Amino acid sequence: MLKAGHLTGAEFRHIRQGLLMTQEKMAEALGYAQKIRISEYERATNPVPIPLHIQEKVLTLYESGGTGDWHAVRQWTHAAE
C-alpha cells in the first residue's frame, strides 16, 4: 500500500507513468515551473527527497484516478502492485 511519507522515487515514477503524464505535465500539476524537480525525485542514484505535501498530492491524484485522460489508467497502476 502506498502511503505519504514512504513514497519512493520509483513509486513516484510509476504513478506518473500510470497517469500518462510526462515529467513536464507532472511538474505543472504540482506547481513547479520546470520538470527538473520531477527528474530529481525519480532518479535512482542520489534522488532528492520528495516533500510530504508533494507525496500527498501525488497520492491523491493516484487514488482519484486523476482527471481527463488519467481516469482510465488507474487500473493499470493498481495491476502493477
PDB file of N, CA and C in Angstrom:
ATOM      1  N   MET A   1       0.842  -1.176   0.000  1.00  0.00           N
ATOM      2  CA  MET A   1       0.000   0.000   0.000  1.00  0.00           C
ATOM      3  C   MET A   1       0.893   1.247   0.000  1.00  0.00           C
ATOM      4  N   LEU A   2       0.597   2.142  -0.873  1.00  0.00           N
ATOM      5  CA  LEU A   2       1.353   3.385  -0.948  1.00  0.00           C
ATOM      6  C   LEU A   2       0.859   4.340   0.134  1.00  0.00           C
ATOM      7  N   LYS A   3       1.818   5.003   0.785  1.00  0.00           N
ATOM      8  CA  LYS A   3       1.464   5.885   1.895  1.00  0.00           C
ATOM      9  C   LYS A   3       2.372   7.114   1.874  1.00  0.00           C
ATOM     10  N   ALA A   4       1.779   8.285   2.072  1.00  0.00           N
ATOM     11  CA  ALA A   4       2.559   9.525   2.137  1.00  0.00           C
ATOM     12  C   ALA A   4       3.589   9.406   3.250  1.00  0.00           C
ATOM     13  N   GLY A   5       4.776   9.879   2.971  1.00  0.00           N
ATOM     14  CA  GLY A   5       5.872   9.780   3.912  1.00  0.00           C
ATOM     15  C   GLY A   5       6.793   8.617   3.603  1.00  0.00           C
ATOM     16  N   HIS A   6       6.311   7.688   2.744  1.00  0.00           N
ATOM     17  CA  HIS A   6       7.083   6.498   2.407  1.00  0.00           C
ATOM     18  C   HIS A   6       7.215   6.295   0.901  1.00  0.00           C
ATOM     19  N   LEU A   7       6.821   7.272   0.109  1.00  0.00           N
ATOM     20  CA  LEU A   7       6.821   7.142  -1.345  1.00  0.00           C
ATOM     21  C   LEU A   7       8.250   7.214  -1.883  1.00  0.00           C
ATOM     22  N   THR A   8       8.638   6.192  -2.633  1.00  0.00           N
ATOM     23  CA  THR A   8       9.972   6.175  -3.226  1.00  0.00           C
ATOM     24  C   THR A   8       9.947   6.853  -4.593  1.00  0.00           C
ATOM     25  N   GLY A   9      11.122   7.161  -5.103  1.00  0.00           N
ATOM     26  CA  GLY A   9      11.223   7.736  -6.440  1.00  0.00           C
ATOM     27  C   GLY A   9      10.664   6.805  -7.502  1.00  0.00           C
ATOM     28  N   ALA A  10      10.901   5.507  -7.342  1.00  0.00           N
ATOM     29  CA  ALA A  10      10.382   4.526  -8.307  1.00  0.00           C
ATOM     30  C   ALA A  10       8.853   4.493  -8.271  1.00  0.00           C
ATOM     31  N   GLU A  11       8.267   4.564  -7.084  1.00  0.00           N
ATOM     32  CA  GLU A  11       6.809   4.589  -6.963  1.00  0.00           C
ATOM     33  C   GLU A  11       6.248   5.879  -7.558  1.00  0.00           C
ATOM     34  N   PHE A  12       6.931   6.975  -7.293  1.00  0.00           N
ATOM     35  CA  PHE A  12       6.526   8.275  -7.851  1.00  0.00           C
ATOM     36  C   PHE A  12       6.493   8.186  -9.372  1.00  0.00           C
ATOM     37  N   ARG A  13       7.566   7.634  -9.965  1.00  0.00           N
ATOM     38  CA  ARG A  13       7.642   7.483 -11.421  1.00  0.00           C
ATOM     39  C   ARG A  13       6.538   6.559 -11.935  1.00  0.00           C
ATOM     40  N   HIS A  14       6.300   5.465 -11.235  1.00  0.00           N
ATOM     41  CA  HIS A  14       5.258   4.513 -11.631  1.00  0.00           C
ATOM     42  C   HIS A  14       3.884   5.190 -11.654  1.00  0.00           C
ATOM     43  N   ILE A  15       3.591   5.981 -10.645  1.00  0.00           N
ATOM     44  CA  ILE A  15       2.316   6.703 -10.601  1.00  0.00           C
ATOM     45  C   ILE A  15       2.231   7.693 -11.751  1.00  0.00           C
ATOM     46  N   ARG A  16       3.292   8.455 -11.962  1.00  0.00           N
ATOM     47  CA  ARG A  16       3.297   9.448 -13.045  1.00  0.00           C
ATOM     48  C   ARG A  16       3.071   8.771 -14.399  1.00  0.00           C
ATOM     49  N   GLN A  17       3.776   7.699 -14.651  1.00  0.00           N
ATOM     50  CA  GLN A  17       3.632   6.993 -15.920  1.00  0.00           C
ATOM     51  C   GLN A  17       2.246   6.358 -16.042  1.00  0.00           C
ATOM     52  N   GLY A  18       1.724   5.844 -14.938  1.00  0.00           N
ATOM     53  CA  GLY A  18       0.391   5.264 -14.943  1.00  0.00           C
ATOM     54  C   GLY A  18      -0.699   6.283 -15.229  1.00  0.00           C
ATOM     55  N   LEU A  19      -0.426   7.530 -14.880  1.00  0.00           N
ATOM     56  CA  LEU A  19      -1.361   8.620 -15.166  1.00  0.00           C
ATOM     57  C   LEU A  19      -1.124   9.199 -16.559  1.00  0.00           C
ATOM     58  N   LEU A  20      -0.196   8.579 -17.295  1.00  0.00           N
ATOM     59  CA  LEU A  20       0.161   9.012 -18.654  1.00  0.00           C
ATOM     60  C   LEU A  20       0.626  10.462 -18.691  1.00  0.00           C
ATOM     61  N   MET A  21       1.406  10.820 -17.677  1.00  0.00           N
ATOM     62  CA  MET A  21       1.914  12.184 -17.585  1.00  0.00           C
ATOM     63  C   MET A  21       3.413  12.189 -17.866  1.00  0.00           C
ATOM     64  N   THR A  22       3.855  13.173 -18.610  1.00  0.00           N
ATOM     65  CA  THR A  22       5.278  13.399 -18.775  1.00  0.00           C
ATOM     66  C   THR A  22       5.802  14.054 -17.506  1.00  0.00           C
ATOM     67  N   GLN A  23       7.113  14.113 -17.381  1.00  0.00           N
ATOM     68  CA  GLN A  23       7.683  14.827 -16.242  1.00  0.00           C
ATOM     69  C   GLN A  23       7.249  16.288 -16.277  1.00  0.00           C
ATOM     70  N   GLU A  24       7.163  16.841 -17.471  1.00  0.00           N
ATOM     71  CA  GLU A  24       6.743  18.237 -17.625  1.00  0.00           C
ATOM     72  C   GLU A  24       5.304  18.437 -17.140  1.00  0.00           C
ATOM     73  N   LYS A  25       4.403  17.540 -17.525  1.00  0.00           N
ATOM     74  CA  LYS A  25       2.996  17.665 -17.108  1.00  0.00           C
ATOM     75  C   LYS A  25       2.844  17.453 -15.599  1.00  0.00           C
ATOM     76  N   MET A  26       3.620  16.507 -15.039  1.00  0.00           N
ATOM     77  CA  MET A  26       3.551  16.286 -13.594  1.00  0.00           C
ATOM     78  C   MET A  26       4.074  17.517 -12.855  1.00  0.00           C
ATOM     79  N   ALA A  27       5.157  18.094 -13.353  1.00  0.00           N
ATOM     80  CA  ALA A  27       5.692  19.309 -12.734  1.00  0.00           C
ATOM     81  C   ALA A  27       4.639  20.409 -12.736  1.00  0.00           C
ATOM     82  N   GLU A  28       3.965  20.569 -13.854  1.00  0.00           N
ATOM     83  CA  GLU A  28       2.913  21.579 -13.977  1.00  0.00           C
ATOM     84  C   GLU A  28       1.782  21.305 -12.983  1.00  0.00           C
ATOM     85  N   ALA A  29       1.367  20.043 -12.871  1.00  0.00           N
ATOM     86  CA  ALA A  29       0.275  19.676 -11.964  1.00  0.00           C
ATOM     87  C   ALA A  29       0.645  19.927 -10.501  1.00  0.00           C
ATOM     88  N   LEU A  30       1.947  19.832 -10.200  1.00  0.00           N
ATOM     89  CA  LEU A  30       2.402  20.024  -8.830  1.00  0.00           C
ATOM     90  C   LEU A  30       2.841  21.452  -8.542  1.00  0.00           C
ATOM     91  N   GLY A  31       2.772  22.317  -9.549  1.00  0.00           N
ATOM     92  CA  GLY A  31       3.085  23.718  -9.343  1.00  0.00           C
ATOM     93  C   GLY A  31       4.541  24.089  -9.564  1.00  0.00           C
ATOM     94  N   TYR A  32       5.305  23.199 -10.179  1.00  0.00           N
ATOM     95  CA  TYR A  32       6.700  23.506 -10.480  1.00  0.00           C
ATOM     96  C   TYR A  32       6.800  24.139 -11.865  1.00  0.00           C
ATOM     97  N   ALA A  33       7.727  25.052 -12.032  1.00  0.00           N
ATOM     98  CA  ALA A  33       7.910  25.739 -13.312  1.00  0.00           C
ATOM     99  C   ALA A  33       8.673  24.877 -14.320  1.00  0.00           C
ATOM    100  N   GLN A  34       9.493  23.935 -13.819  1.00  0.00           N
ATOM    101  CA  GLN A  34      10.304  23.111 -14.703  1.00  0.00           C
ATOM    102  C   GLN A  34      10.245  21.649 -14.283  1.00  0.00           C
ATOM    103  N   LYS A  35      10.501  20.761 -15.242  1.00  0.00           N
ATOM    104  CA  LYS A  35      10.412  19.327 -14.975  1.00  0.00           C
ATOM    105  C   LYS A  35      11.610  18.769 -14.201  1.00  0.00           C
ATOM    106  N   ILE A  36      12.653  19.548 -14.028  1.00  0.00           N
ATOM    107  CA  ILE A  36      13.867  19.044 -13.384  1.00  0.00           C
ATOM    108  C   ILE A  36      13.579  18.503 -11.985  1.00  0.00           C
ATOM    109  N   ARG A  37      12.666  19.119 -11.247  1.00  0.00           N
ATOM    110  CA  ARG A  37      12.355  18.644  -9.891  1.00  0.00           C
ATOM    111  C   ARG A  37      11.793  17.225  -9.946  1.00  0.00           C
ATOM    112  N   ILE A  38      10.948  16.930 -10.914  1.00  0.00           N
ATOM    113  CA  ILE A  38      10.376  15.587 -11.045  1.00  0.00           C
ATOM    114  C   ILE A  38      11.492  14.590 -11.332  1.00  0.00           C
ATOM    115  N   SER A  39      12.386  14.963 -12.229  1.00  0.00           N
ATOM    116  CA  SER A  39      13.531  14.115 -12.549  1.00  0.00           C
ATOM    117  C   SER A  39      14.376  13.846 -11.299  1.00  0.00           C
ATOM    118  N   GLU A  40      14.556  14.853 -10.485  1.00  0.00           N
ATOM    119  CA  GLU A  40      15.342  14.696  -9.259  1.00  0.00           C
ATOM    120  C   GLU A  40      14.675  13.725  -8.289  1.00  0.00           C
ATOM    121  N   TYR A  41      13.361  13.759  -8.205  1.00  0.00           N
ATOM    122  CA  TYR A  41      12.640  12.830  -7.327  1.00  0.00           C
ATOM    123  C   TYR A  41      12.742  11.395  -7.834  1.00  0.00           C
ATOM    124  N   GLU A  42      12.727  11.223  -9.143  1.00  0.00           N
ATOM    125  CA  GLU A  42      12.640   9.889  -9.741  1.00  0.00           C
ATOM    126  C   GLU A  42      13.966   9.185  -9.954  1.00  0.00           C
ATOM    127  N   ARG A  43      15.059   9.909  -9.992  1.00  0.00           N
ATOM    128  CA  ARG A  43      16.327   9.267 -10.345  1.00  0.00           C
ATOM    129  C   ARG A  43      16.737   8.221  -9.308  1.00  0.00           C
ATOM    130  N   ALA A  44      17.383   7.187  -9.814  1.00  0.00           N
ATOM    131  CA  ALA A  44      17.772   6.062  -8.964  1.00  0.00           C
ATOM    132  C   ALA A  44      18.994   6.382  -8.106  1.00  0.00           C
ATOM    133  N   THR A  45      19.926   7.147  -8.636  1.00  0.00           N
ATOM    134  CA  THR A  45      21.124   7.481  -7.877  1.00  0.00           C
ATOM    135  C   THR A  45      21.010   8.897  -7.322  1.00  0.00           C
ATOM    136  N   ASN A  46      21.238   9.025  -6.047  1.00  0.00           N
ATOM    137  CA  ASN A  46      21.213  10.319  -5.355  1.00  0.00           C
ATOM    138  C   ASN A  46      19.911  11.099  -5.576  1.00  0.00           C
ATOM    139  N   PRO A  47      18.765  10.479  -5.319  1.00  0.00           N
ATOM    140  CA  PRO A  47      17.493  11.196  -5.516  1.00  0.00           C
ATOM    141  C   PRO A  47      17.288  12.290  -4.475  1.00  0.00           C
ATOM    142  N   VAL A  48      16.514  13.284  -4.843  1.00  0.00           N
ATOM    143  CA  VAL A  48      16.119  14.345  -3.918  1.00  0.00           C
ATOM    144  C   VAL A  48      14.897  13.829  -3.151  1.00  0.00           C
ATOM    145  N   PRO A  49      14.867  13.968  -1.824  1.00  0.00           N
ATOM    146  CA  PRO A  49      13.697  13.523  -1.065  1.00  0.00           C
ATOM    147  C   PRO A  49      12.426  14.234  -1.546  1.00  0.00           C
ATOM    148  N   ILE A  50      11.340  13.487  -1.603  1.00  0.00           N
ATOM    149  CA  ILE A  50      10.059  14.033  -2.047  1.00  0.00           C
ATOM    150  C   ILE A  50       9.356  14.628  -0.830  1.00  0.00           C
ATOM    151  N   PRO A  51       9.095  15.941  -0.833  1.00  0.00           N
ATOM    152  CA  PRO A  51       8.423  16.563   0.311  1.00  0.00           C
ATOM    153  C   PRO A  51       7.065  15.908   0.589  1.00  0.00           C
ATOM    154  N   LEU A  52       6.694  15.868   1.845  1.00  0.00           N
ATOM    155  CA  LEU A  52       5.454  15.210   2.253  1.00  0.00           C
ATOM    156  C   LEU A  52       4.240  15.779   1.520  1.00  0.00           C
ATOM    157  N   HIS A  53       4.150  17.105   1.374  1.00  0.00           N
ATOM    158  CA  HIS A  53       2.974  17.687   0.720  1.00  0.00           C
ATOM    159  C   HIS A  53       2.903  17.288  -0.764  1.00  0.00           C
ATOM    160  N   ILE A  54       4.053  17.059  -1.391  1.00  0.00           N
ATOM    161  CA  ILE A  54       4.067  16.602  -2.785  1.00  0.00           C
ATOM    162  C   ILE A  54       3.637  15.135  -2.844  1.00  0.00           C
ATOM    163  N   GLN A  55       4.126  14.328  -1.911  1.00  0.00           N
ATOM    164  CA  GLN A  55       3.703  12.927  -1.851  1.00  0.00           C
ATOM    165  C   GLN A  55       2.185  12.833  -1.684  1.00  0.00           C
ATOM    166  N   GLU A  56       1.644  13.660  -0.800  1.00  0.00           N
ATOM    167  CA  GLU A  56       0.197  13.639  -0.563  1.00  0.00           C
ATOM    168  C   GLU A  56      -0.572  14.010  -1.825  1.00  0.00           C
ATOM    169  N   LYS A  57      -0.100  15.024  -2.548  1.00  0.00           N
ATOM    170  CA  LYS A  57      -0.790  15.439  -3.765  1.00  0.00           C
ATOM    171  C   LYS A  57      -0.722  14.356  -4.839  1.00  0.00           C
ATOM    172  N   VAL A  58       0.437  13.741  -5.001  1.00  0.00           N
ATOM    173  CA  VAL A  58       0.596  12.675  -5.997  1.00  0.00           C
ATOM    174  C   VAL A  58      -0.291  11.484  -5.646  1.00  0.00           C
ATOM    175  N   LEU A  59      -0.336  11.123  -4.377  1.00  0.00           N
ATOM    176  CA  LEU A  59      -1.187  10.004  -3.964  1.00  0.00           C
ATOM    177  C   LEU A  59      -2.670  10.334  -4.117  1.00  0.00           C
ATOM    178  N   THR A  60      -3.039  11.583  -3.940  1.00  0.00           N
ATOM    179  CA  THR A  60      -4.424  11.993  -4.178  1.00  0.00           C
ATOM    180  C   THR A  60      -4.772  11.814  -5.655  1.00  0.00           C
ATOM    181  N   LEU A  61      -3.866  12.221  -6.535  1.00  0.00           N
ATOM    182  CA  LEU A  61      -4.087  12.006  -7.973  1.00  0.00           C
ATOM    183  C   LEU A  61      -4.232  10.517  -8.266  1.00  0.00           C
ATOM    184  N   TYR A  62      -3.362   9.729  -7.667  1.00  0.00           N
ATOM    185  CA  TYR A  62      -3.371   8.279  -7.865  1.00  0.00           C
ATOM    186  C   TYR A  62      -4.689   7.661  -7.400  1.00  0.00           C
ATOM    187  N   GLU A  63      -5.098   7.992  -6.199  1.00  0.00           N
ATOM    188  CA  GLU A  63      -6.312   7.407  -5.628  1.00  0.00           C
ATOM    189  C   GLU A  63      -7.576   7.842  -6.361  1.00  0.00           C
ATOM    190  N   SER A  64      -7.593   9.075  -6.834  1.00  0.00           N
ATOM    191  CA  SER A  64      -8.781   9.567  -7.527  1.00  0.00           C
ATOM    192  C   SER A  64      -8.801   9.138  -8.985  1.00  0.00           C
ATOM    193  N   GLY A  65      -7.672   8.655  -9.458  1.00  0.00           N
ATOM    194  CA  GLY A  65      -7.584   8.290 -10.870  1.00  0.00           C
ATOM    195  C   GLY A  65      -7.341   9.504 -11.734  1.00  0.00           C
ATOM    196  N   GLY A  66      -7.114  10.653 -11.128  1.00  0.00           N
ATOM    197  CA  GLY A  66      -6.847  11.867 -11.882  1.00  0.00           C
ATOM    198  C   GLY A  66      -8.093  12.368 -12.585  1.00  0.00           C
ATOM    199  N   THR A  67      -7.882  13.174 -13.568  1.00  0.00           N
ATOM    200  CA  THR A  67      -8.984  13.717 -14.353  1.00  0.00           C
ATOM    201  C   THR A  67      -8.656  13.546 -15.820  1.00  0.00           C
ATOM    202  N   GLY A  68      -9.636  13.698 -16.661  1.00  0.00           N
ATOM    203  CA  GLY A  68      -9.407  13.618 -18.098  1.00  0.00           C
ATOM    204  C   GLY A  68      -8.825  12.274 -18.498  1.00  0.00           C
ATOM    205  N   ASP A  69      -7.714  12.287 -19.226  1.00  0.00           N
ATOM    206  CA  ASP A  69      -7.079  11.071 -19.727  1.00  0.00           C
ATOM    207  C   ASP A  69      -6.537  10.181 -18.620  1.00  0.00           C
ATOM    208  N   TRP A  70      -6.320  10.725 -17.411  1.00  0.00           N
ATOM    209  CA  TRP A  70      -5.734   9.931 -16.339  1.00  0.00           C
ATOM    210  C   TRP A  70      -6.719   8.921 -15.779  1.00  0.00           C
ATOM    211  N   HIS A  71      -8.006   9.182 -15.862  1.00  0.00           N
ATOM    212  CA  HIS A  71      -9.005   8.361 -15.183  1.00  0.00           C
ATOM    213  C   HIS A  71      -8.932   6.887 -15.557  1.00  0.00           C
ATOM    214  N   ALA A  72      -8.840   6.588 -16.815  1.00  0.00           N
ATOM    215  CA  ALA A  72      -8.867   5.200 -17.275  1.00  0.00           C
ATOM    216  C   ALA A  72      -7.608   4.432 -16.907  1.00  0.00           C
ATOM    217  N   VAL A  73      -6.571   5.106 -16.526  1.00  0.00           N
ATOM    218  CA  VAL A  73      -5.286   4.460 -16.314  1.00  0.00           C
ATOM    219  C   VAL A  73      -5.111   3.973 -14.879  1.00  0.00           C
ATOM    220  N   ARG A  74      -5.975   4.352 -13.992  1.00  0.00           N
ATOM    221  CA  ARG A  74      -5.847   3.964 -12.594  1.00  0.00           C
ATOM    222  C   ARG A  74      -5.745   2.445 -12.459  1.00  0.00           C
ATOM    223  N   GLN A  75      -6.508   1.705 -13.241  1.00  0.00           N
ATOM    224  CA  GLN A  75      -6.477   0.253 -13.166  1.00  0.00           C
ATOM    225  C   GLN A  75      -5.103  -0.276 -13.532  1.00  0.00           C
ATOM    226  N   TRP A  76      -4.423   0.358 -14.476  1.00  0.00           N
ATOM    227  CA  TRP A  76      -3.084  -0.075 -14.851  1.00  0.00           C
ATOM    228  C   TRP A  76      -2.120   0.046 -13.680  1.00  0.00           C
ATOM    229  N   THR A  77      -2.199   1.143 -12.934  1.00  0.00           N
ATOM    230  CA  THR A  77      -1.286   1.332 -11.815  1.00  0.00           C
ATOM    231  C   THR A  77      -1.589   0.347 -10.695  1.00  0.00           C
ATOM    232  N   HIS A  78      -2.846   0.015 -10.478  1.00  0.00           N
ATOM    233  CA  HIS A  78      -3.197  -0.973  -9.455  1.00  0.00           C
ATOM    234  C   HIS A  78      -2.723  -2.371  -9.861  1.00  0.00           C
ATOM    235  N   ALA A  79      -2.789  -2.685 -11.134  1.00  0.00           N
ATOM    236  CA  ALA A  79      -2.400  -4.010 -11.605  1.00  0.00           C
ATOM    237  C   ALA A  79      -0.927  -4.287 -11.370  1.00  0.00           C
ATOM    238  N   ALA A  80      -0.110  -3.245 -11.329  1.00  0.00           N
ATOM    239  CA  ALA A  80       1.330  -3.433 -11.168  1.00  0.00           C
ATOM    240  C   ALA A  80       1.751  -3.597  -9.714  1.00  0.00           C
ATOM    241  N   GLU A  81       0.838  -3.400  -8.780  1.00  0.00           N
ATOM    242  CA  GLU A  81       1.202  -3.502  -7.354  1.00  0.00           C
ATOM    243  C   GLU A  81       1.368  -4.942  -6.930  1.00  0.00           C
TER     244      GLU A  81
END
